Amino acid sequence: MRPVPTCVLSSGQAPRVQHGHALDSYVQIGSLSKPLTGTVLARLAATGVLQLDAPLEELLPVPRGTGITLRHLAQHTSGLPRLPPHLNRRDPYTAFDDAALHAVLHGLDTLTTTAPGHTEEYSNLGYAILGAALTSATGMSYQDLLNRYVLAPLDVTEVTGTPPPDRRLHSRGLFGRPRRPWTMTGAILPAGGLWATPRAAADLVVALLVDRKLGEPALSWQRSGTVLWHNGATGDASVFAGAVPDGRWVVVHRLTGQADRTDELGIEVLQQTAPSNTVELQDE
C-alpha cells in the first residue's frame, strides 16, 4: 500500500512532513473552511453589520416563515439536510453553482427536515447558504470577506479558494499521476472549498483558538469536552485541527480522503503532551 503523504504541526514540536507532503504548498482543507466562515459571521455581528439571530429571509430570497436564522446555520441547527440536492458522483459540487444555489433558496421550505433550533444536523448546504447570506449582507465576495475580517487582521495570506496551480499539492493515483481534486469554487466554497498551506492553517488555529486574537472562537468550532476542533475531508484530502485550554494545539493534513484516521492522528498528538493523557472527542 502506498504511504499516505502526511503533515503534522503541533505545539512544542517541530513540524513533521512525510511521504511527499509539504508545509508551504496549498492543500484542500475541506470543512475546516467552516470555522473561517463562522469567524467572518462573528466579526460582522461584532461590528453591527448584521445580527446573529437575523432571519434568513432578510438577506436572501427564501420563502417567508422558515424560521431559520444565521445562528442556526452556523450551529447546524437549521433543519436543513447535510448535502444539496442533485450532486454529481465523481465531482460532487461541480454543478452546485450560483444558479443551483438560488434554485435551492427558492424552495428552501421543502428541504427542511426538522424545525430550526431543535436538532443538530451537520449541513454543508447550511454553510453554503450562510456564505451566500454574508455576501448578500455586505455586497462583498466571499474571498474579500475572508481577507478583510479574518486573514488580514491575523497577517495570514496563504488561504484562498483559487490557489496558484503550480503550488497545489495533490494526492497521486495509479503510476503516480496526480488526482484531479473536487471542484469547490462555486456556491459550496464557504462550506468546504478553501485551500491553505499547512503552515497557514496552523497559524490560524493558534490565532483563533489559542491566542484568541479575534475574540471568542466562532460558533462553527466543534466542542467535545475541553477540546475545540474541526475536521474536513474532500475526495483526496483530509484535515484535523484542534486545541485545548492549556494552549496545546495540532493540525494534521493527509493527502487521503480517509478522515477517520486523520482525526485519530490529531487526537494522538494532543494526547502525547496531555498531563492526564486522556484527550478524547466525546460529548460532554
Protein backbone atom coordinates (compact mmCIF):
# COMPACT_ATOMS: atom_id res chain seq x y z
CA MET A 1 0.00 0.00 0.00
CA ARG A 2 1.29 3.45 -0.94
CA PRO A 3 2.27 5.54 2.15
CA VAL A 4 -0.05 8.48 2.75
CA PRO A 5 1.58 11.92 2.48
CA THR A 6 1.12 13.44 5.93
CA CYS A 7 1.90 16.77 7.57
CA VAL A 8 1.67 17.29 11.33
CA LEU A 9 2.11 20.62 13.09
CA SER A 10 1.62 20.97 16.83
CA SER A 11 2.56 22.97 19.90
CA GLY A 12 6.03 22.39 21.25
CA GLN A 13 7.15 20.09 18.42
CA ALA A 14 8.92 20.53 15.12
CA PRO A 15 6.71 20.08 12.05
CA ARG A 16 6.63 16.52 10.74
CA VAL A 17 6.29 16.05 6.98
CA GLN A 18 6.25 12.58 5.44
CA HIS A 19 5.95 10.84 2.09
CA GLY A 20 5.96 13.88 -0.15
CA HIS A 21 3.71 16.27 1.76
CA ALA A 22 4.85 19.89 2.14
CA LEU A 23 4.47 22.76 4.61
CA ASP A 24 4.18 25.51 2.03
CA SER A 25 2.13 24.02 -0.79
CA TYR A 26 -1.60 24.63 -0.97
CA VAL A 27 -3.86 21.73 0.01
CA GLN A 28 -7.62 21.40 0.20
CA ILE A 29 -8.84 21.87 3.77
CA GLY A 30 -12.46 20.86 3.18
CA SER A 31 -14.77 21.68 6.06
CA LEU A 32 -12.03 23.42 8.01
CA SER A 33 -13.35 26.25 5.82
CA LYS A 34 -16.45 26.37 8.05
CA PRO A 35 -14.80 27.88 11.15
CA LEU A 36 -13.36 30.60 8.93
CA THR A 37 -16.82 31.33 7.54
CA GLY A 38 -18.12 31.35 11.09
CA THR A 39 -15.40 33.78 12.12
CA VAL A 40 -16.47 36.14 9.34
CA LEU A 41 -20.02 35.91 10.70
CA ALA A 42 -18.85 36.64 14.25
CA ARG A 43 -16.83 39.64 13.11
CA LEU A 44 -19.71 41.08 11.09
CA ALA A 45 -22.01 40.65 14.08
CA ALA A 46 -19.48 42.27 16.42
CA THR A 47 -19.24 45.33 14.19
CA GLY A 48 -23.01 45.63 13.82
CA VAL A 49 -23.18 44.81 10.11
CA LEU A 50 -25.70 42.08 10.85
CA GLN A 51 -27.29 40.19 13.75
CA LEU A 52 -26.66 36.54 14.59
CA ASP A 53 -30.36 35.96 15.03
CA ALA A 54 -31.39 37.74 11.84
CA PRO A 55 -33.97 35.72 9.88
CA LEU A 56 -32.54 34.32 6.69
CA GLU A 57 -35.37 35.89 4.68
CA GLU A 58 -33.99 39.35 5.48
CA LEU A 59 -30.86 38.58 3.49
CA LEU A 60 -31.75 36.03 0.83
CA PRO A 61 -34.74 35.23 -1.44
CA VAL A 62 -36.12 32.34 0.61
CA PRO A 63 -39.78 31.62 1.42
CA ARG A 64 -41.02 33.61 4.38
CA GLY A 65 -41.61 31.87 7.67
CA THR A 66 -38.86 29.21 7.58
CA GLY A 67 -37.67 30.44 10.97
CA ILE A 68 -34.04 29.84 10.01
CA THR A 69 -31.52 32.38 11.33
CA LEU A 70 -27.82 32.89 10.73
CA ARG A 71 -27.12 31.39 14.15
CA HIS A 72 -29.00 28.24 13.18
CA LEU A 73 -26.89 27.90 10.04
CA ALA A 74 -23.65 28.41 11.98
CA GLN A 75 -24.60 25.85 14.64
CA HIS A 76 -26.02 23.24 12.24
CA THR A 77 -29.48 23.56 13.79
CA SER A 78 -31.28 24.92 10.72
CA GLY A 79 -33.12 21.68 9.96
CA LEU A 80 -31.51 21.56 6.52
CA PRO A 81 -30.06 18.30 5.17
CA ARG A 82 -26.34 17.60 5.04
CA LEU A 83 -25.98 17.96 1.27
CA PRO A 84 -27.51 19.98 -1.56
CA PRO A 85 -29.75 18.04 -3.95
CA HIS A 86 -28.62 16.59 -7.29
CA LEU A 87 -24.92 16.18 -6.61
CA ASN A 88 -22.53 14.66 -9.11
CA ARG A 89 -20.99 11.38 -8.03
CA ARG A 90 -17.40 11.82 -9.26
CA ASP A 91 -17.05 15.54 -8.60
CA PRO A 92 -19.95 16.23 -6.21
CA TYR A 93 -20.13 20.02 -6.21
CA THR A 94 -19.11 20.84 -9.76
CA ALA A 95 -22.68 21.76 -10.76
CA PHE A 96 -23.55 23.46 -7.48
CA ASP A 97 -23.08 26.98 -8.81
CA ASP A 98 -24.91 30.22 -8.02
CA ALA A 99 -27.87 29.23 -10.19
CA ALA A 100 -28.21 25.91 -8.40
CA LEU A 101 -27.98 27.65 -5.04
CA HIS A 102 -30.70 30.14 -5.96
CA ALA A 103 -32.96 27.28 -7.01
CA VAL A 104 -32.40 25.74 -3.60
CA LEU A 105 -33.14 29.05 -1.85
CA HIS A 106 -36.47 29.49 -3.59
CA GLY A 107 -37.58 26.03 -2.49
CA LEU A 108 -35.91 26.04 0.91
CA ASP A 109 -39.13 25.35 2.81
CA THR A 110 -39.40 21.98 1.03
CA LEU A 111 -35.92 20.85 2.12
CA THR A 112 -36.04 21.27 5.89
CA THR A 113 -36.43 18.03 7.80
CA THR A 114 -37.00 19.47 11.29
CA ALA A 115 -37.96 22.81 12.79
CA PRO A 116 -34.94 25.10 13.23
CA GLY A 117 -33.29 25.32 16.62
CA HIS A 118 -34.24 21.85 17.86
CA THR A 119 -31.93 19.28 16.27
CA GLU A 120 -28.28 19.46 15.30
CA GLU A 121 -27.57 18.01 11.87
CA TYR A 122 -24.25 18.78 10.22
CA SER A 123 -25.01 20.59 6.97
CA ASN A 124 -22.71 21.56 4.12
CA LEU A 125 -25.77 23.03 2.46
CA GLY A 126 -26.37 25.22 5.50
CA TYR A 127 -22.88 26.67 5.30
CA ALA A 128 -23.18 27.32 1.58
CA ILE A 129 -26.32 29.31 2.37
CA LEU A 130 -24.61 31.06 5.28
CA GLY A 131 -21.81 32.17 2.96
CA ALA A 132 -24.38 33.49 0.48
CA ALA A 133 -26.10 35.42 3.26
CA LEU A 134 -22.83 37.04 4.32
CA THR A 135 -22.03 38.15 0.78
CA SER A 136 -25.58 39.44 0.34
CA ALA A 137 -25.41 41.45 3.56
CA THR A 138 -22.14 43.14 2.62
CA GLY A 139 -22.04 43.22 -1.17
CA MET A 140 -18.57 41.66 -0.98
CA SER A 141 -17.29 38.39 -2.40
CA TYR A 142 -16.62 35.56 -0.01
CA GLN A 143 -12.86 35.80 -0.55
CA ASP A 144 -12.91 39.54 0.09
CA LEU A 145 -14.85 38.99 3.32
CA LEU A 146 -12.38 36.35 4.43
CA ASN A 147 -9.43 38.59 3.62
CA ARG A 148 -10.81 41.67 5.38
CA TYR A 149 -12.29 40.14 8.52
CA VAL A 150 -10.03 37.15 9.19
CA LEU A 151 -6.83 36.86 7.18
CA ALA A 152 -5.62 40.47 7.13
CA PRO A 153 -6.16 41.07 10.89
CA LEU A 154 -4.17 37.90 11.61
CA ASP A 155 -1.49 38.59 8.98
CA VAL A 156 -2.19 35.28 7.25
CA THR A 157 -2.16 35.21 3.46
CA GLU A 158 -2.00 31.65 2.17
CA VAL A 159 -5.70 30.77 2.34
CA THR A 160 -7.84 31.02 -0.79
CA GLY A 161 -10.41 29.33 -2.96
CA THR A 162 -8.16 29.62 -6.02
CA PRO A 163 -4.50 28.93 -5.22
CA PRO A 164 -1.80 29.17 -7.90
CA PRO A 165 -1.88 25.94 -9.93
CA ASP A 166 1.88 25.44 -9.60
CA ARG A 167 1.66 25.48 -5.79
CA ARG A 168 -1.14 22.96 -5.36
CA LEU A 169 -0.34 19.62 -3.76
CA HIS A 170 -2.45 16.70 -4.97
CA SER A 171 -2.75 13.08 -3.98
CA ARG A 172 -1.50 10.63 -6.58
CA GLY A 173 -3.12 7.62 -8.13
CA LEU A 174 -2.03 4.91 -10.50
CA PHE A 175 1.58 5.28 -11.72
CA GLY A 176 1.96 8.37 -9.54
CA ARG A 177 -0.34 10.53 -11.60
CA PRO A 178 -1.91 13.50 -9.74
CA ARG A 179 -5.59 13.01 -8.95
CA ARG A 180 -8.00 15.71 -10.00
CA PRO A 181 -9.41 17.39 -6.87
CA TRP A 182 -13.08 18.12 -6.32
CA THR A 183 -14.31 21.37 -7.86
CA MET A 184 -15.43 23.53 -4.92
CA THR A 185 -15.13 27.07 -6.22
CA GLY A 186 -18.87 27.62 -6.61
CA ALA A 187 -21.57 28.03 -4.00
CA ILE A 188 -20.02 25.37 -1.76
CA LEU A 189 -16.85 27.44 -1.20
CA PRO A 190 -17.81 28.79 2.27
CA ALA A 191 -18.63 25.26 3.43
CA GLY A 192 -15.56 23.41 2.23
CA GLY A 193 -13.80 24.87 -0.77
CA LEU A 194 -10.77 26.63 0.68
CA TRP A 195 -7.15 25.72 0.09
CA ALA A 196 -4.37 26.65 2.52
CA THR A 197 -0.79 25.82 3.19
CA PRO A 198 -0.47 23.67 6.33
CA ARG A 199 1.64 26.40 7.89
CA ALA A 200 -1.12 28.95 7.30
CA ALA A 201 -3.73 26.57 8.72
CA ALA A 202 -1.61 26.18 11.86
CA ASP A 203 -1.20 29.94 12.16
CA LEU A 204 -4.99 30.31 12.04
CA VAL A 205 -5.58 27.64 14.68
CA VAL A 206 -3.11 29.29 17.05
CA ALA A 207 -4.52 32.77 16.43
CA LEU A 208 -8.19 31.77 16.71
CA LEU A 209 -8.17 29.03 19.36
CA VAL A 210 -5.09 29.67 21.50
CA ASP A 211 -4.29 33.38 21.36
CA ARG A 212 -7.92 34.29 20.50
CA LYS A 213 -6.84 37.39 18.63
CA LEU A 214 -10.32 37.87 17.18
CA GLY A 215 -12.22 37.15 20.39
CA GLU A 216 -14.07 34.04 21.45
CA PRO A 217 -13.91 31.19 18.91
CA ALA A 218 -16.73 31.18 16.39
CA LEU A 219 -19.85 29.07 16.81
CA SER A 220 -18.60 26.86 13.98
CA TRP A 221 -15.94 25.10 16.05
CA GLN A 222 -16.94 21.71 17.39
CA ARG A 223 -16.76 21.31 21.16
CA SER A 224 -16.08 17.94 22.79
CA GLY A 225 -15.20 18.12 26.47
CA THR A 226 -12.39 20.66 26.65
CA VAL A 227 -11.34 20.21 23.02
CA LEU A 228 -12.24 22.81 20.40
CA TRP A 229 -11.79 21.20 17.00
CA HIS A 230 -12.90 20.84 13.43
CA ASN A 231 -12.06 18.44 10.66
CA GLY A 232 -12.56 18.36 6.93
CA ALA A 233 -12.38 15.98 4.00
CA THR A 234 -12.65 16.07 0.25
CA GLY A 235 -12.22 13.22 -2.18
CA ASP A 236 -8.45 13.05 -1.74
CA ALA A 237 -7.57 15.17 1.30
CA SER A 238 -8.43 15.29 5.00
CA VAL A 239 -7.53 17.54 7.90
CA PHE A 240 -7.98 17.73 11.66
CA ALA A 241 -7.35 20.85 13.74
CA GLY A 242 -7.88 21.26 17.46
CA ALA A 243 -6.76 22.92 20.67
CA VAL A 244 -7.25 22.56 24.42
CA PRO A 245 -7.41 25.30 27.09
CA ASP A 246 -3.81 24.90 28.28
CA GLY A 247 -2.54 26.05 24.88
CA ARG A 248 -1.77 22.74 23.20
CA TRP A 249 -2.87 22.57 19.58
CA VAL A 250 -2.48 20.40 16.49
CA VAL A 251 -3.08 20.44 12.74
CA VAL A 252 -2.86 17.19 10.77
CA HIS A 253 -3.29 17.14 7.00
CA ARG A 254 -3.16 14.00 4.87
CA LEU A 255 -3.50 13.50 1.13
CA THR A 256 -6.28 10.97 1.51
CA GLY A 257 -10.00 11.21 1.99
CA GLN A 258 -9.84 8.70 4.87
CA ALA A 259 -10.77 11.25 7.51
CA ASP A 260 -11.22 8.91 10.47
CA ARG A 261 -7.52 8.10 10.66
CA THR A 262 -6.64 11.77 10.25
CA ASP A 263 -8.86 12.58 13.26
CA GLU A 264 -7.22 9.78 15.24
CA LEU A 265 -3.75 11.12 14.50
CA GLY A 266 -4.77 14.58 15.65
CA ILE A 267 -6.06 13.28 18.97
CA GLU A 268 -2.97 11.12 19.41
CA VAL A 269 -0.73 14.17 19.05
CA LEU A 270 -2.77 16.07 21.67
CA GLN A 271 -2.55 13.07 23.98
CA GLN A 272 1.23 12.84 23.70
CA THR A 273 1.66 16.02 25.72
CA ALA A 274 -1.52 15.93 27.82
CA PRO A 275 -0.84 15.79 31.58
CA SER A 276 -3.52 13.13 32.10
CA ASN A 277 -3.11 11.56 28.64
CA THR A 278 -6.92 11.42 28.25
CA VAL A 279 -7.86 13.71 25.39
CA GLU A 280 -10.94 12.31 23.67
CA LEU A 281 -13.58 13.51 21.24
CA GLN A 282 -16.66 12.81 23.30
CA ASP A 283 -19.75 14.83 24.05
CA GLU A 284 -19.85 16.43 27.47
